[in-house]
Amino acid sequence: MTQDLDNRRPLKSRGTAWAKNLAAFLARSGATPDLISAASVGFAVVGGGLFLMAGLSGPVTRAVLLIGAGACIQLRLLCNLLDGMVAVEHGRGGPAGPIWNELPDRLADALFLAGAGYCAYGAHLEAGAPLGWLAAWLAALTAYVRELGRGLGFPADFSGPMAKPHRMAALTLTCAVAAAEPLWGWNGQSILIGLSIIVVGAAGTVGRRTATLARRLEERGEEG
């Protein structure tokens, strides 16, 4: 994680007492921002594995695994919050921070979203796998457009409607609903619906960020 404030997502949770105390504890303990970023990938690996196992399990076990996957999603987001706080508020950012700031997020998105797709696929819903990979691809594309804008000298565009926090909130909610769906006779359909919402929202996010970037470039040209 780097100390580049221009590429720092605005988060209300960053100002809470519990987040500040936890970040201070990690800094005192010697945890580096890069290590915290790497931990986010670890949670994604576990979460993706839980999704895979859930697709091959019976209703009760499946529900437990899906709740576990949802917990891993939230732990990944917690790591994303704390790595930046340790880097910026506690001055622990390193020279490789920009790599750790972006690459783990791309891996984590793919593991969670593709894992969810294979969970539905394991429940004999063949659209699950390609839908999960499409969601992962669009997630990477939203980040690409943001970084393209930064490379052209503009502030980072974190707009939605399906930026990373929104995607992960939607996927966490999907886990909760899918864990309960055997009560009304479904088996994986909730995951297909959740991934479809993420796909549509992520596509809209790519379009919105691209339009914003195009407008900024036009304004720059007019000023020049």
Protein backbone atom coordinates (compact mmCIF):
# COMPACT_ATOMS: atom_id res chain seq x y z
CA MET A 1 0.00 0.00 0.00
CA THR A 2 1.25 3.47 -0.91
CA GLN A 3 0.77 6.86 0.70
CA ASP A 4 -0.61 8.29 -2.57
CA LEU A 5 -3.64 10.25 -1.31
CA ASP A 6 -4.82 10.89 -4.88
CA ASN A 7 -5.58 7.19 -5.21
CA ARG A 8 -7.27 6.73 -1.85
CA ARG A 9 -10.92 5.69 -1.86
CA PRO A 10 -13.07 7.91 0.40
CA LEU A 11 -14.47 5.74 3.22
CA LYS A 12 -16.54 6.88 6.20
CA SER A 13 -15.38 3.87 8.21
CA ARG A 14 -11.84 5.27 8.14
CA GLY A 15 -12.87 7.87 10.71
CA THR A 16 -14.42 5.46 13.22
CA ALA A 17 -12.75 4.84 16.57
CA TRP A 18 -12.59 1.07 16.13
CA ALA A 19 -10.81 1.38 12.77
CA LYS A 20 -8.31 3.89 14.13
CA ASN A 21 -7.59 1.74 17.18
CA LEU A 22 -7.17 -1.41 15.11
CA ALA A 23 -4.87 0.32 12.63
CA ALA A 24 -2.80 1.71 15.50
CA PHE A 25 -2.54 -1.75 17.04
CA LEU A 26 -1.36 -3.27 13.75
CA ALA A 27 1.20 -0.50 13.28
CA ARG A 28 2.55 -1.02 16.79
CA SER A 29 2.69 -4.76 16.17
CA GLY A 30 4.94 -4.26 13.14
CA ALA A 31 2.41 -5.27 10.49
CA THR A 32 3.23 -3.63 7.18
CA PRO A 33 0.59 -2.34 4.76
CA ASP A 34 1.86 -4.77 2.12
CA LEU A 35 1.41 -7.70 4.50
CA ILE A 36 -2.15 -6.59 5.26
CA SER A 37 -2.84 -6.33 1.53
CA ALA A 38 -1.49 -9.85 1.06
CA ALA A 39 -3.80 -11.06 3.83
CA SER A 40 -6.75 -9.80 1.80
CA VAL A 41 -5.80 -12.27 -0.94
CA GLY A 42 -5.57 -15.01 1.67
CA PHE A 43 -9.15 -14.34 2.71
CA ALA A 44 -10.16 -14.33 -0.95
CA VAL A 45 -8.52 -17.73 -1.51
CA VAL A 46 -10.42 -19.14 1.47
CA GLY A 47 -13.66 -17.48 0.38
CA GLY A 48 -13.33 -18.74 -3.18
CA GLY A 49 -12.71 -22.25 -1.85
CA LEU A 50 -15.80 -22.02 0.35
CA PHE A 51 -17.86 -21.03 -2.68
CA LEU A 52 -16.57 -24.04 -4.60
CA MET A 53 -17.35 -26.43 -1.75
CA ALA A 54 -20.78 -24.87 -1.22
CA GLY A 55 -21.75 -25.70 -4.79
CA LEU A 56 -21.12 -29.39 -4.10
CA SER A 57 -22.72 -29.59 -0.64
CA GLY A 58 -26.12 -30.30 0.82
CA PRO A 59 -28.42 -27.49 2.03
CA VAL A 60 -27.21 -27.23 5.63
CA THR A 61 -23.49 -27.47 4.89
CA ARG A 62 -23.95 -25.20 1.91
CA ALA A 63 -25.56 -22.53 4.07
CA VAL A 64 -22.67 -22.64 6.55
CA LEU A 65 -20.10 -22.43 3.75
CA LEU A 66 -21.86 -19.49 2.11
CA ILE A 67 -22.00 -17.59 5.39
CA GLY A 68 -18.28 -18.30 5.74
CA ALA A 69 -17.67 -16.97 2.23
CA GLY A 70 -19.59 -13.81 3.09
CA ALA A 71 -17.45 -13.38 6.21
CA CYS A 72 -14.29 -13.72 4.09
CA ILE A 73 -15.57 -10.98 1.79
CA GLN A 74 -15.95 -8.63 4.75
CA LEU A 75 -12.53 -9.57 6.11
CA ARG A 76 -11.05 -8.78 2.71
CA LEU A 77 -12.66 -5.34 2.86
CA LEU A 78 -11.35 -4.87 6.39
CA CYS A 79 -7.83 -5.54 5.11
CA ASN A 80 -8.41 -3.04 2.31
CA LEU A 81 -9.37 -0.44 4.91
CA LEU A 82 -6.53 -1.11 7.32
CA ASP A 83 -3.65 -1.34 4.83
CA GLY A 84 -4.27 2.24 3.75
CA MET A 85 -4.65 3.49 7.30
CA VAL A 86 -1.40 1.85 8.41
CA ALA A 87 0.34 3.27 5.33
CA VAL A 88 -0.96 6.83 5.56
CA GLU A 89 -1.90 7.56 9.15
CA HIS A 90 1.09 5.67 10.53
CA GLY A 91 3.60 6.38 7.77
CA ARG A 92 4.38 2.75 6.96
CA GLY A 93 3.93 2.84 3.18
CA GLY A 94 6.73 1.27 1.14
CA PRO A 95 8.12 1.73 -2.38
CA ALA A 96 6.23 -1.32 -3.67
CA GLY A 97 2.98 0.06 -2.28
CA PRO A 98 1.36 0.83 -5.67
CA ILE A 99 1.69 -2.83 -6.64
CA TRP A 100 0.20 -4.05 -3.37
CA ASN A 101 -2.52 -1.44 -3.63
CA GLU A 102 -3.89 -2.79 -6.91
CA LEU A 103 -2.81 -6.35 -7.70
CA PRO A 104 -4.29 -8.03 -4.59
CA ASP A 105 -7.63 -6.35 -5.29
CA ARG A 106 -7.76 -7.73 -8.81
CA LEU A 107 -6.93 -11.24 -7.56
CA ALA A 108 -9.45 -11.03 -4.72
CA ASP A 109 -12.24 -9.85 -7.02
CA ALA A 110 -11.61 -12.74 -9.41
CA LEU A 111 -11.46 -15.35 -6.65
CA PHE A 112 -14.71 -14.22 -5.05
CA LEU A 113 -16.74 -13.54 -8.19
CA ALA A 114 -15.57 -16.54 -10.19
CA GLY A 115 -15.91 -18.68 -7.06
CA ALA A 116 -19.51 -17.59 -6.68
CA GLY A 117 -20.11 -18.46 -10.32
CA TYR A 118 -18.72 -21.96 -9.84
CA CYS A 119 -20.89 -22.34 -6.75
CA ALA A 120 -23.96 -21.90 -8.96
CA TYR A 121 -22.37 -24.14 -11.61
CA GLY A 122 -21.92 -26.86 -8.99
CA ALA A 123 -25.65 -26.63 -8.36
CA HIS A 124 -26.16 -27.55 -12.06
CA LEU A 125 -26.75 -23.98 -13.22
CA GLU A 126 -24.42 -23.87 -16.21
CA ALA A 127 -24.66 -20.10 -16.62
CA GLY A 128 -22.94 -19.66 -13.26
CA ALA A 129 -19.32 -20.10 -14.34
CA PRO A 130 -19.36 -17.73 -17.34
CA LEU A 131 -21.39 -15.19 -15.36
CA GLY A 132 -18.87 -15.27 -12.53
CA TRP A 133 -15.96 -14.76 -14.90
CA LEU A 134 -17.80 -11.95 -16.68
CA ALA A 135 -18.32 -10.22 -13.33
CA ALA A 136 -14.61 -10.65 -12.54
CA TRP A 137 -13.59 -9.25 -15.93
CA LEU A 138 -15.84 -6.22 -15.54
CA ALA A 139 -14.51 -5.66 -12.02
CA ALA A 140 -10.98 -5.51 -13.44
CA LEU A 141 -12.18 -3.20 -16.20
CA THR A 142 -13.63 -0.69 -13.72
CA ALA A 143 -10.21 -0.50 -12.06
CA TYR A 144 -8.49 -0.23 -15.45
CA VAL A 145 -10.53 2.81 -16.46
CA ARG A 146 -9.81 4.44 -13.09
CA GLU A 147 -6.07 3.84 -13.45
CA LEU A 148 -6.14 4.93 -17.09
CA GLY A 149 -7.53 8.27 -15.93
CA ARG A 150 -4.85 8.59 -13.28
CA GLY A 151 -2.19 7.76 -15.87
CA LEU A 152 -3.52 10.66 -17.94
CA GLY A 153 -3.15 12.98 -14.96
CA PHE A 154 -6.68 13.08 -13.57
CA PRO A 155 -7.88 12.32 -10.02
CA ALA A 156 -8.96 8.73 -9.35
CA ASP A 157 -12.60 8.13 -10.25
CA PHE A 158 -14.19 5.87 -7.62
CA SER A 159 -17.75 6.38 -8.85
CA GLY A 160 -20.30 3.56 -8.95
CA PRO A 161 -22.92 2.23 -9.21
CA MET A 162 -20.83 -0.93 -8.75
CA ALA A 163 -17.40 0.07 -7.47
CA LYS A 164 -15.50 -2.40 -5.28
CA PRO A 165 -17.37 -1.72 -2.01
CA HIS A 166 -20.70 -1.99 -3.84
CA ARG A 167 -19.70 -5.24 -5.57
CA MET A 168 -18.60 -6.81 -2.32
CA ALA A 169 -21.71 -5.61 -0.47
CA ALA A 170 -23.88 -7.11 -3.20
CA LEU A 171 -21.95 -10.38 -3.10
CA THR A 172 -22.15 -10.55 0.71
CA LEU A 173 -25.92 -10.04 0.55
CA THR A 174 -26.08 -12.69 -2.15
CA CYS A 175 -24.33 -15.14 0.18
CA ALA A 176 -26.86 -14.46 2.93
CA VAL A 177 -29.85 -14.90 0.62
CA ALA A 178 -28.38 -18.00 -1.05
CA ALA A 179 -27.77 -19.58 2.37
CA ALA A 180 -31.50 -19.35 3.06
CA GLU A 181 -32.84 -20.12 -0.42
CA PRO A 182 -33.52 -23.85 0.23
CA LEU A 183 -36.42 -22.59 2.37
CA TRP A 184 -38.27 -21.63 -0.82
CA GLY A 185 -36.94 -24.45 -2.98
CA TRP A 186 -34.09 -22.75 -4.83
CA ASN A 187 -30.60 -24.11 -5.35
CA GLY A 188 -28.17 -21.52 -6.67
CA GLN A 189 -30.63 -19.20 -8.38
CA SER A 190 -29.95 -16.46 -5.83
CA ILE A 191 -26.29 -16.47 -6.81
CA LEU A 192 -27.17 -16.12 -10.48
CA ILE A 193 -29.38 -13.14 -9.68
CA GLY A 194 -26.71 -11.56 -7.48
CA LEU A 195 -24.00 -12.00 -10.10
CA SER A 196 -26.31 -10.63 -12.78
CA ILE A 197 -26.88 -7.48 -10.73
CA ILE A 198 -23.12 -7.11 -10.26
CA VAL A 199 -22.51 -7.58 -13.99
CA VAL A 200 -25.08 -4.97 -14.99
CA GLY A 201 -23.87 -2.54 -12.33
CA ALA A 202 -20.20 -3.04 -13.18
CA ALA A 203 -20.90 -2.50 -16.88
CA GLY A 204 -22.68 0.72 -15.95
CA THR A 205 -19.71 1.74 -13.82
CA VAL A 206 -17.29 1.18 -16.69
CA GLY A 207 -19.53 3.25 -18.95
CA ARG A 208 -19.86 6.06 -16.42
CA ARG A 209 -16.14 6.24 -15.67
CA THR A 210 -15.29 6.14 -19.37
CA ALA A 211 -17.74 8.97 -20.08
CA THR A 212 -16.23 11.00 -17.23
CA LEU A 213 -12.73 10.43 -18.55
CA ALA A 214 -13.77 11.43 -22.07
CA ARG A 215 -15.34 14.62 -20.72
CA ARG A 216 -12.21 15.46 -18.74
CA LEU A 217 -10.07 14.97 -21.84
CA GLU A 218 -12.36 17.24 -23.87
CA GLU A 219 -12.20 19.93 -21.17
CA ARG A 220 -8.43 19.68 -21.08
CA GLY A 221 -8.31 20.07 -24.85
CA GLU A 222 -10.52 23.14 -24.70
CA GLU A 223 -8.36 24.70 -21.99
CA GLY A 224 -5.23 24.02 -24.05
